[in-house]
Amino acid sequence: MIDMGMIKIELNFAEITDTIQNFKTHRIRTLESLAADIKSSVGSAFNQLLKTEMTLFLGNPEQSDNKKNGYKERDYILKGIGCLRIRMPIDRKRRFTSSIIPPREQIDPRLREDMAVLHLAGISTRTLAMIMVVGFV
């Protein structure tokens, strides 16, 4: 088991052996599968953080008359990962605002800065859009 702060990765020898064999025979497909698994794990981690943030918010004494009221799904683009489907929690009184993903923020601020630099460097908006879709930044 590898403990990386908030993320724990558990591997067993058989899985490692199978993964190496898959890389040897189907490298591209294995890389795509690995990237999808990582993206899914990051999305799950974000959703768990948001859920915990809501629980802490509702634990405040001034929120004693407030409760959870479901969630709203939205997309969030994270640098190095791509587009994630996030479940933003909602409280009944609509007082909760996340500090993890602020309201109306759809793009990781680091990615927004990178896009601004590329635009200033002379990359056209069309080329920039293509780069963002492919996910090179």
Protein backbone atom coordinates (compact mmCIF):
# COMPACT_ATOMS: atom_id res chain seq x y z
CA MET A 1 0.00 0.00 0.00
CA ILE A 2 1.26 3.46 -0.91
CA ASP A 3 0.01 6.34 1.26
CA MET A 4 0.17 9.70 -0.54
CA GLY A 5 -1.53 11.99 1.95
CA MET A 6 -5.21 11.88 1.04
CA ILE A 7 -4.86 9.17 -1.60
CA LYS A 8 -4.10 5.53 -0.81
CA ILE A 9 -3.18 3.09 -3.52
CA GLU A 10 -3.37 -0.62 -2.81
CA LEU A 11 -1.77 -3.07 -5.22
CA ASN A 12 -1.15 -6.76 -5.13
CA PHE A 13 1.49 -8.69 -7.04
CA ALA A 14 -1.01 -10.41 -9.39
CA GLU A 15 -2.51 -7.06 -10.44
CA ILE A 16 0.94 -5.61 -11.11
CA THR A 17 1.91 -8.64 -13.21
CA ASP A 18 -1.34 -8.43 -15.22
CA THR A 19 -0.88 -4.70 -15.78
CA ILE A 20 2.66 -5.19 -17.09
CA GLN A 21 1.46 -7.93 -19.46
CA ASN A 22 -1.36 -5.65 -20.69
CA PHE A 23 1.15 -2.89 -21.36
CA LYS A 24 3.26 -5.27 -23.41
CA THR A 25 0.38 -6.40 -25.62
CA HIS A 26 -2.08 -3.48 -25.62
CA ARG A 27 -0.13 -0.40 -24.60
CA ILE A 28 -2.47 2.31 -25.94
CA ARG A 29 -5.63 0.65 -24.64
CA THR A 30 -4.02 0.12 -21.22
CA LEU A 31 -2.92 3.76 -21.03
CA GLU A 32 -6.45 4.90 -21.90
CA SER A 33 -7.91 2.60 -19.26
CA LEU A 34 -5.41 3.80 -16.66
CA ALA A 35 -6.17 7.45 -17.47
CA ALA A 36 -9.92 6.80 -17.17
CA ASP A 37 -9.40 5.09 -13.79
CA ILE A 38 -7.31 8.01 -12.53
CA LYS A 39 -9.91 10.53 -13.74
CA SER A 40 -12.67 8.55 -12.03
CA SER A 41 -10.68 8.38 -8.78
CA VAL A 42 -10.01 12.13 -8.84
CA GLY A 43 -13.71 12.81 -9.46
CA SER A 44 -14.66 10.54 -6.55
CA ALA A 45 -12.13 12.30 -4.30
CA PHE A 46 -13.55 15.73 -5.22
CA ASN A 47 -17.10 14.53 -4.58
CA GLN A 48 -16.10 13.11 -1.19
CA LEU A 49 -14.36 16.38 -0.26
CA LEU A 50 -17.45 18.37 -1.21
CA LYS A 51 -19.68 16.02 0.78
CA THR A 52 -17.41 16.37 3.82
CA GLU A 53 -17.31 20.14 3.43
CA MET A 54 -21.13 20.19 3.47
CA THR A 55 -21.22 17.98 6.58
CA LEU A 56 -18.83 20.34 8.38
CA PHE A 57 -20.88 23.35 7.27
CA LEU A 58 -24.12 21.83 8.58
CA GLY A 59 -22.35 20.94 11.84
CA ASN A 60 -22.01 24.64 12.73
CA PRO A 61 -24.41 25.73 15.51
CA GLU A 62 -25.91 28.50 13.34
CA GLN A 63 -26.96 25.83 10.80
CA SER A 64 -28.95 23.77 13.32
CA ASP A 65 -32.20 24.43 11.41
CA ASN A 66 -30.64 23.62 8.02
CA LYS A 67 -30.26 20.21 6.31
CA LYS A 68 -28.86 18.62 3.17
CA ASN A 69 -31.09 18.92 0.13
CA GLY A 70 -29.44 16.78 -2.53
CA TYR A 71 -26.88 17.94 -5.04
CA LYS A 72 -26.48 19.59 -8.43
CA GLU A 73 -24.27 17.95 -11.02
CA ARG A 74 -21.92 20.16 -12.97
CA ASP A 75 -18.75 19.90 -15.02
CA TYR A 76 -15.40 21.09 -13.73
CA ILE A 77 -12.24 21.11 -15.84
CA LEU A 78 -9.13 20.24 -13.83
CA LYS A 79 -5.64 20.82 -15.21
CA GLY A 80 -3.91 17.55 -16.07
CA ILE A 81 -7.10 15.50 -15.61
CA GLY A 82 -9.76 16.95 -17.90
CA CYS A 83 -13.48 17.40 -17.44
CA LEU A 84 -14.91 15.92 -14.24
CA ARG A 85 -18.58 15.48 -13.36
CA ILE A 86 -18.91 17.03 -9.89
CA ARG A 87 -21.84 16.57 -7.48
CA MET A 88 -22.16 19.94 -5.75
CA PRO A 89 -24.09 19.55 -2.47
CA ILE A 90 -27.05 21.82 -1.77
CA ASP A 91 -28.57 22.73 1.58
CA ARG A 92 -32.23 23.60 2.09
CA LYS A 93 -31.57 27.26 2.91
CA ARG A 94 -29.07 27.67 0.02
CA ARG A 95 -26.42 29.10 2.36
CA PHE A 96 -23.61 26.66 1.52
CA THR A 97 -20.80 27.85 -0.73
CA SER A 98 -17.83 25.60 -1.31
CA SER A 99 -14.31 26.85 -0.78
CA ILE A 100 -13.03 23.84 -2.74
CA ILE A 101 -14.90 24.77 -5.93
CA PRO A 102 -16.31 28.31 -5.64
CA PRO A 103 -19.72 29.10 -7.15
CA ARG A 104 -19.73 29.53 -10.92
CA GLU A 105 -16.10 28.36 -11.25
CA GLN A 106 -15.93 25.82 -14.07
CA ILE A 107 -12.23 25.77 -14.90
CA ASP A 108 -9.21 25.18 -12.66
CA PRO A 109 -7.58 28.63 -12.16
CA ARG A 110 -4.19 27.18 -13.16
CA LEU A 111 -5.64 26.13 -16.50
CA ARG A 112 -7.21 29.57 -16.99
CA GLU A 113 -3.76 31.15 -16.44
CA ASP A 114 -2.18 28.75 -18.94
CA MET A 115 -4.83 29.63 -21.53
CA ALA A 116 -4.18 33.36 -21.01
CA VAL A 117 -0.42 32.88 -21.49
CA LEU A 118 -0.95 30.84 -24.66
CA HIS A 119 -3.32 33.47 -26.01
CA LEU A 120 -0.78 36.23 -25.26
CA ALA A 121 1.86 34.15 -27.02
CA GLY A 122 -0.17 34.43 -30.21
CA ILE A 123 -2.08 31.16 -30.27
CA SER A 124 -5.43 31.75 -31.96
CA THR A 125 -8.62 31.11 -30.03
CA ARG A 126 -9.50 28.31 -32.47
CA THR A 127 -6.16 26.55 -31.92
CA LEU A 128 -6.43 27.16 -28.17
CA ALA A 129 -9.89 25.55 -28.15
CA MET A 130 -8.53 22.52 -30.00
CA ILE A 131 -5.66 22.21 -27.53
CA MET A 132 -8.06 22.36 -24.59
CA VAL A 133 -10.34 19.71 -26.07
CA VAL A 134 -7.47 17.33 -26.68
CA GLY A 135 -6.08 18.05 -23.23
CA PHE A 136 -2.46 18.92 -23.92
CA VAL A 137 -2.35 21.66 -21.29
